[in-house]
Amino acid sequence: MKKSLQCSQIRCRDPPFSDVDATNQKSEKEEIQMATMKRIPNYRKMYPTASEEVIEVLRQGERRLRYLEYDIKVERFVLDETKQVAFFIPSREDSLERLIEAEEQFVDEEIDVEDEAINKVLIQKLRESLKCLDSDEFDLINALFFQGKTVRQLSTDSSVPVMTIQDRKVRVLKKLKKILGN
């Protein structure tokens, strides 16, 4: 076992490359940055006169910063040696490039607050104006627009000609428009 550990600790030097592209340089820079992120500074040495509470707050702040800048952005495998199981923990933050590659699409569920407020006011005005209608007019509007019946269905149910119901509908809608306009 000791022999295999010693062999795994020996590192070979990478062969020199004359044409290193920018992506490799970027990944190397990121690796160096992430390696430095793993080390928590010695705040006791940096601030010898600070109290233990201040040092603890600095350590917690550093850990939170590392979590926000690195931990939530990286996918990891965690090995549970007691249960002999490996868990995959996906990153909590996703990149647009990965989502495009996975062909993920999202519905824009954002509701415009201004439109929502206008609709509520208009609905309230409509309810108030419906109270101003006669009972026959209200029944006609209720059947056509709230119960979803057609003019022909109303005609057969009430044995009133289709054109008469159509004319009444137009007259009631003009009346509602006039009431809503004021």
C-alpha atoms as a PDB file:
ATOM      1  CA  MET A   1       0.000   0.000   0.000  1.00  0.00           C
ATOM      2  CA  LYS A   2       2.784   2.425   0.881  1.00  0.00           C
ATOM      3  CA  LYS A   3       4.477   1.657  -2.407  1.00  0.00           C
ATOM      4  CA  SER A   4       1.359   2.534  -4.425  1.00  0.00           C
ATOM      5  CA  LEU A   5       0.968   5.781  -2.494  1.00  0.00           C
ATOM      6  CA  GLN A   6       4.508   6.779  -3.273  1.00  0.00           C
ATOM      7  CA  CYS A   7       4.006   6.033  -6.975  1.00  0.00           C
ATOM      8  CA  SER A   8       0.785   8.025  -7.133  1.00  0.00           C
ATOM      9  CA  GLN A   9       2.478  10.993  -5.506  1.00  0.00           C
ATOM     10  CA  ILE A  10       5.181  11.139  -8.187  1.00  0.00           C
ATOM     11  CA  ARG A  11       4.185  13.581 -10.861  1.00  0.00           C
ATOM     12  CA  CYS A  12       5.462  13.733 -14.401  1.00  0.00           C
ATOM     13  CA  ARG A  13       6.216  16.962 -16.092  1.00  0.00           C
ATOM     14  CA  ASP A  14       3.867  17.857 -18.950  1.00  0.00           C
ATOM     15  CA  PRO A  15       5.469  17.981 -22.390  1.00  0.00           C
ATOM     16  CA  PRO A  16       6.120  21.499 -23.611  1.00  0.00           C
ATOM     17  CA  PHE A  17       3.645  22.877 -26.130  1.00  0.00           C
ATOM     18  CA  SER A  18       4.561  25.779 -28.345  1.00  0.00           C
ATOM     19  CA  ASP A  19       1.005  26.555 -29.498  1.00  0.00           C
ATOM     20  CA  VAL A  20      -1.089  26.768 -26.341  1.00  0.00           C
ATOM     21  CA  ASP A  21      -4.505  28.212 -27.092  1.00  0.00           C
ATOM     22  CA  ALA A  22      -6.372  30.749 -24.978  1.00  0.00           C
ATOM     23  CA  THR A  23      -8.870  28.215 -23.620  1.00  0.00           C
ATOM     24  CA  ASN A  24      -6.093  26.143 -22.064  1.00  0.00           C
ATOM     25  CA  GLN A  25      -4.587  29.260 -20.531  1.00  0.00           C
ATOM     26  CA  LYS A  26      -7.958  30.259 -19.133  1.00  0.00           C
ATOM     27  CA  SER A  27      -8.544  26.860 -17.580  1.00  0.00           C
ATOM     28  CA  GLU A  28      -5.081  26.913 -16.016  1.00  0.00           C
ATOM     29  CA  LYS A  29      -5.794  30.353 -14.572  1.00  0.00           C
ATOM     30  CA  GLU A  30      -9.111  29.128 -13.218  1.00  0.00           C
ATOM     31  CA  GLU A  31      -7.427  26.086 -11.673  1.00  0.00           C
ATOM     32  CA  ILE A  32      -4.848  28.283  -9.953  1.00  0.00           C
ATOM     33  CA  GLN A  33      -7.580  30.604  -8.723  1.00  0.00           C
ATOM     34  CA  MET A  34      -9.635  27.689  -7.394  1.00  0.00           C
ATOM     35  CA  ALA A  35      -6.574  26.204  -5.692  1.00  0.00           C
ATOM     36  CA  THR A  36      -5.926  29.485  -3.898  1.00  0.00           C
ATOM     37  CA  MET A  37      -9.615  29.652  -2.929  1.00  0.00           C
ATOM     38  CA  LYS A  38      -9.253  26.416  -0.966  1.00  0.00           C
ATOM     39  CA  ARG A  39      -6.838  27.972   1.494  1.00  0.00           C
ATOM     40  CA  ILE A  40      -8.353  30.054   4.267  1.00  0.00           C
ATOM     41  CA  PRO A  41      -6.037  32.871   5.332  1.00  0.00           C
ATOM     42  CA  ASN A  42      -4.561  32.846   8.792  1.00  0.00           C
ATOM     43  CA  TYR A  43      -6.502  35.742  10.273  1.00  0.00           C
ATOM     44  CA  ARG A  44      -4.806  35.336  13.663  1.00  0.00           C
ATOM     45  CA  LYS A  45      -1.484  36.104  11.987  1.00  0.00           C
ATOM     46  CA  MET A  46      -2.935  38.918   9.879  1.00  0.00           C
ATOM     47  CA  TYR A  47      -4.752  40.602  12.783  1.00  0.00           C
ATOM     48  CA  PRO A  48      -2.913  39.689  16.007  1.00  0.00           C
ATOM     49  CA  THR A  49      -4.850  42.185  18.155  1.00  0.00           C
ATOM     50  CA  ALA A  50      -8.302  41.012  17.023  1.00  0.00           C
ATOM     51  CA  SER A  51     -10.542  39.060  19.388  1.00  0.00           C
ATOM     52  CA  GLU A  52     -11.595  35.458  18.794  1.00  0.00           C
ATOM     53  CA  GLU A  53     -15.115  36.594  17.852  1.00  0.00           C
ATOM     54  CA  VAL A  54     -13.756  38.845  15.104  1.00  0.00           C
ATOM     55  CA  ILE A  55     -11.489  36.064  13.823  1.00  0.00           C
ATOM     56  CA  GLU A  56     -14.445  33.668  13.743  1.00  0.00           C
ATOM     57  CA  VAL A  57     -16.565  36.183  11.809  1.00  0.00           C
ATOM     58  CA  LEU A  58     -13.725  36.648   9.307  1.00  0.00           C
ATOM     59  CA  ARG A  59     -13.422  32.866   8.856  1.00  0.00           C
ATOM     60  CA  GLN A  60     -17.175  32.503   8.352  1.00  0.00           C
ATOM     61  CA  GLY A  61     -17.153  35.365   5.844  1.00  0.00           C
ATOM     62  CA  GLU A  62     -14.305  33.752   3.939  1.00  0.00           C
ATOM     63  CA  ARG A  63     -16.108  30.408   3.898  1.00  0.00           C
ATOM     64  CA  ARG A  64     -19.311  32.067   2.660  1.00  0.00           C
ATOM     65  CA  LEU A  65     -17.377  33.865  -0.063  1.00  0.00           C
ATOM     66  CA  ARG A  66     -15.783  30.584  -1.155  1.00  0.00           C
ATOM     67  CA  TYR A  67     -19.213  28.933  -1.194  1.00  0.00           C
ATOM     68  CA  LEU A  68     -20.726  31.683  -3.331  1.00  0.00           C
ATOM     69  CA  GLU A  69     -17.815  31.933  -5.748  1.00  0.00           C
ATOM     70  CA  TYR A  70     -16.879  28.291  -6.114  1.00  0.00           C
ATOM     71  CA  ASP A  71     -18.890  25.595  -4.336  1.00  0.00           C
ATOM     72  CA  ILE A  72     -22.285  26.249  -5.911  1.00  0.00           C
ATOM     73  CA  LYS A  73     -20.778  26.453  -9.393  1.00  0.00           C
ATOM     74  CA  VAL A  74     -19.032  23.073  -9.408  1.00  0.00           C
ATOM     75  CA  GLU A  75     -20.453  19.591  -9.909  1.00  0.00           C
ATOM     76  CA  ARG A  76     -19.003  17.025  -7.513  1.00  0.00           C
ATOM     77  CA  PHE A  77     -18.946  13.349  -6.710  1.00  0.00           C
ATOM     78  CA  VAL A  78     -19.074  12.515  -3.020  1.00  0.00           C
ATOM     79  CA  LEU A  79     -17.985   9.080  -1.860  1.00  0.00           C
ATOM     80  CA  ASP A  80     -19.669   7.619   1.204  1.00  0.00           C
ATOM     81  CA  GLU A  81     -17.140   5.040   2.375  1.00  0.00           C
ATOM     82  CA  THR A  82     -19.392   3.567   5.066  1.00  0.00           C
ATOM     83  CA  LYS A  83     -22.198   2.723   2.628  1.00  0.00           C
ATOM     84  CA  GLN A  84     -19.856   2.177  -0.327  1.00  0.00           C
ATOM     85  CA  VAL A  85     -21.901   4.584  -2.470  1.00  0.00           C
ATOM     86  CA  ALA A  86     -20.994   7.553  -4.656  1.00  0.00           C
ATOM     87  CA  PHE A  87     -23.330  10.530  -4.920  1.00  0.00           C
ATOM     88  CA  PHE A  88     -23.374  13.062  -7.712  1.00  0.00           C
ATOM     89  CA  ILE A  89     -24.111  16.603  -6.555  1.00  0.00           C
ATOM     90  CA  PRO A  90     -24.959  18.847  -9.526  1.00  0.00           C
ATOM     91  CA  SER A  91     -23.994  22.478  -9.525  1.00  0.00           C
ATOM     92  CA  ARG A  92     -26.648  24.809  -8.196  1.00  0.00           C
ATOM     93  CA  GLU A  93     -25.746  27.446 -10.714  1.00  0.00           C
ATOM     94  CA  ASP A  94     -26.039  26.690 -14.406  1.00  0.00           C
ATOM     95  CA  SER A  95     -24.487  28.299 -17.433  1.00  0.00           C
ATOM     96  CA  LEU A  96     -26.394  29.431 -20.486  1.00  0.00           C
ATOM     97  CA  GLU A  97     -24.052  27.438 -22.708  1.00  0.00           C
ATOM     98  CA  ARG A  98     -24.836  24.164 -20.913  1.00  0.00           C
ATOM     99  CA  LEU A  99     -28.556  24.841 -21.058  1.00  0.00           C
ATOM    100  CA  ILE A 100     -28.339  25.512 -24.801  1.00  0.00           C
ATOM    101  CA  GLU A 101     -26.391  22.278 -25.306  1.00  0.00           C
ATOM    102  CA  ALA A 102     -29.025  20.377 -23.319  1.00  0.00           C
ATOM    103  CA  GLU A 103     -31.711  22.126 -25.412  1.00  0.00           C
ATOM    104  CA  GLU A 104     -33.504  23.387 -22.323  1.00  0.00           C
ATOM    105  CA  GLN A 105     -36.257  25.901 -22.933  1.00  0.00           C
ATOM    106  CA  PHE A 106     -37.981  28.024 -20.367  1.00  0.00           C
ATOM    107  CA  VAL A 107     -41.362  29.671 -20.473  1.00  0.00           C
ATOM    108  CA  ASP A 108     -41.398  33.310 -19.569  1.00  0.00           C
ATOM    109  CA  GLU A 109     -43.774  33.235 -16.634  1.00  0.00           C
ATOM    110  CA  GLU A 110     -43.228  36.832 -15.664  1.00  0.00           C
ATOM    111  CA  ILE A 111     -46.505  38.674 -15.305  1.00  0.00           C
ATOM    112  CA  ASP A 112     -46.543  42.360 -16.058  1.00  0.00           C
ATOM    113  CA  VAL A 113     -47.737  44.001 -12.850  1.00  0.00           C
ATOM    114  CA  GLU A 114     -49.075  47.031 -14.661  1.00  0.00           C
ATOM    115  CA  ASP A 115     -51.242  44.944 -17.001  1.00  0.00           C
ATOM    116  CA  GLU A 116     -52.462  42.874 -14.057  1.00  0.00           C
ATOM    117  CA  ALA A 117     -53.521  46.010 -12.162  1.00  0.00           C
ATOM    118  CA  ILE A 118     -55.299  47.439 -15.216  1.00  0.00           C
ATOM    119  CA  ASN A 119     -57.157  44.165 -15.754  1.00  0.00           C
ATOM    120  CA  LYS A 120     -58.334  44.100 -12.142  1.00  0.00           C
ATOM    121  CA  VAL A 121     -59.634  47.668 -12.379  1.00  0.00           C
ATOM    122  CA  LEU A 122     -61.435  46.900 -15.653  1.00  0.00           C
ATOM    123  CA  ILE A 123     -63.011  43.755 -14.215  1.00  0.00           C
ATOM    124  CA  GLN A 124     -64.221  45.703 -11.194  1.00  0.00           C
ATOM    125  CA  LYS A 125     -65.718  48.392 -13.458  1.00  0.00           C
ATOM    126  CA  LEU A 126     -67.412  45.728 -15.569  1.00  0.00           C
ATOM    127  CA  ARG A 127     -68.951  44.101 -12.492  1.00  0.00           C
ATOM    128  CA  GLU A 128     -70.294  47.446 -11.334  1.00  0.00           C
ATOM    129  CA  SER A 129     -71.703  48.240 -14.773  1.00  0.00           C
ATOM    130  CA  LEU A 130     -73.421  44.831 -14.987  1.00  0.00           C
ATOM    131  CA  LYS A 131     -75.378  45.814 -11.876  1.00  0.00           C
ATOM    132  CA  CYS A 132     -76.840  48.758 -13.849  1.00  0.00           C
ATOM    133  CA  LEU A 133     -78.455  46.469 -16.451  1.00  0.00           C
ATOM    134  CA  ASP A 134     -82.065  45.314 -16.387  1.00  0.00           C
ATOM    135  CA  SER A 135     -82.641  41.691 -15.431  1.00  0.00           C
ATOM    136  CA  ASP A 136     -83.391  40.666 -19.064  1.00  0.00           C
ATOM    137  CA  GLU A 137     -80.250  42.396 -20.312  1.00  0.00           C
ATOM    138  CA  PHE A 138     -78.162  40.838 -17.553  1.00  0.00           C
ATOM    139  CA  ASP A 139     -79.549  37.363 -18.313  1.00  0.00           C
ATOM    140  CA  LEU A 140     -78.684  37.803 -22.003  1.00  0.00           C
ATOM    141  CA  ILE A 141     -75.091  38.902 -21.274  1.00  0.00           C
ATOM    142  CA  ASN A 142     -74.696  36.192 -18.632  1.00  0.00           C
ATOM    143  CA  ALA A 143     -75.838  33.450 -21.011  1.00  0.00           C
ATOM    144  CA  LEU A 144     -73.738  34.646 -23.953  1.00  0.00           C
ATOM    145  CA  PHE A 145     -70.486  35.607 -22.268  1.00  0.00           C
ATOM    146  CA  PHE A 146     -70.321  33.805 -18.925  1.00  0.00           C
ATOM    147  CA  GLN A 147     -72.142  30.544 -19.660  1.00  0.00           C
ATOM    148  CA  GLY A 148     -70.682  30.332 -23.181  1.00  0.00           C
ATOM    149  CA  LYS A 149     -73.958  29.831 -25.067  1.00  0.00           C
ATOM    150  CA  THR A 150     -74.288  30.902 -28.679  1.00  0.00           C
ATOM    151  CA  VAL A 151     -77.001  33.152 -30.117  1.00  0.00           C
ATOM    152  CA  ARG A 152     -78.521  30.157 -31.903  1.00  0.00           C
ATOM    153  CA  GLN A 153     -78.668  28.120 -28.696  1.00  0.00           C
ATOM    154  CA  LEU A 154     -80.441  30.973 -26.936  1.00  0.00           C
ATOM    155  CA  SER A 155     -82.819  31.267 -29.888  1.00  0.00           C
ATOM    156  CA  THR A 156     -83.826  27.605 -29.704  1.00  0.00           C
ATOM    157  CA  ASP A 157     -84.086  27.667 -25.885  1.00  0.00           C
ATOM    158  CA  SER A 158     -86.276  30.777 -25.717  1.00  0.00           C
ATOM    159  CA  SER A 159     -88.027  30.477 -29.134  1.00  0.00           C
ATOM    160  CA  VAL A 160     -86.982  34.049 -29.963  1.00  0.00           C
ATOM    161  CA  PRO A 161     -85.603  34.699 -33.490  1.00  0.00           C
ATOM    162  CA  VAL A 162     -81.814  34.787 -33.885  1.00  0.00           C
ATOM    163  CA  MET A 163     -81.779  38.334 -35.273  1.00  0.00           C
ATOM    164  CA  THR A 164     -83.802  39.606 -32.309  1.00  0.00           C
ATOM    165  CA  ILE A 165     -81.285  38.141 -29.853  1.00  0.00           C
ATOM    166  CA  GLN A 166     -78.409  39.526 -31.939  1.00  0.00           C
ATOM    167  CA  ASP A 167     -79.965  43.015 -31.945  1.00  0.00           C
ATOM    168  CA  ARG A 168     -80.533  42.873 -28.177  1.00  0.00           C
ATOM    169  CA  LYS A 169     -76.919  41.775 -27.663  1.00  0.00           C
ATOM    170  CA  VAL A 170     -75.611  44.704 -29.727  1.00  0.00           C
ATOM    171  CA  ARG A 171     -77.878  47.157 -27.873  1.00  0.00           C
ATOM    172  CA  VAL A 172     -76.790  45.845 -24.436  1.00  0.00           C
ATOM    173  CA  LEU A 173     -73.102  45.959 -25.381  1.00  0.00           C
ATOM    174  CA  LYS A 174     -73.494  49.586 -26.511  1.00  0.00           C
ATOM    175  CA  LYS A 175     -75.162  50.348 -23.187  1.00  0.00           C
ATOM    176  CA  LEU A 176     -72.288  48.679 -21.299  1.00  0.00           C
ATOM    177  CA  LYS A 177     -69.753  50.595 -23.353  1.00  0.00           C
ATOM    178  CA  LYS A 178     -71.523  53.843 -22.524  1.00  0.00           C
ATOM    179  CA  ILE A 179     -71.596  52.962 -18.799  1.00  0.00           C
ATOM    180  CA  LEU A 180     -67.925  51.951 -18.804  1.00  0.00           C
ATOM    181  CA  GLY A 181     -66.939  55.109 -20.690  1.00  0.00           C
ATOM    182  CA  ASN A 182     -68.248  57.369 -17.890  1.00  0.00           C
END
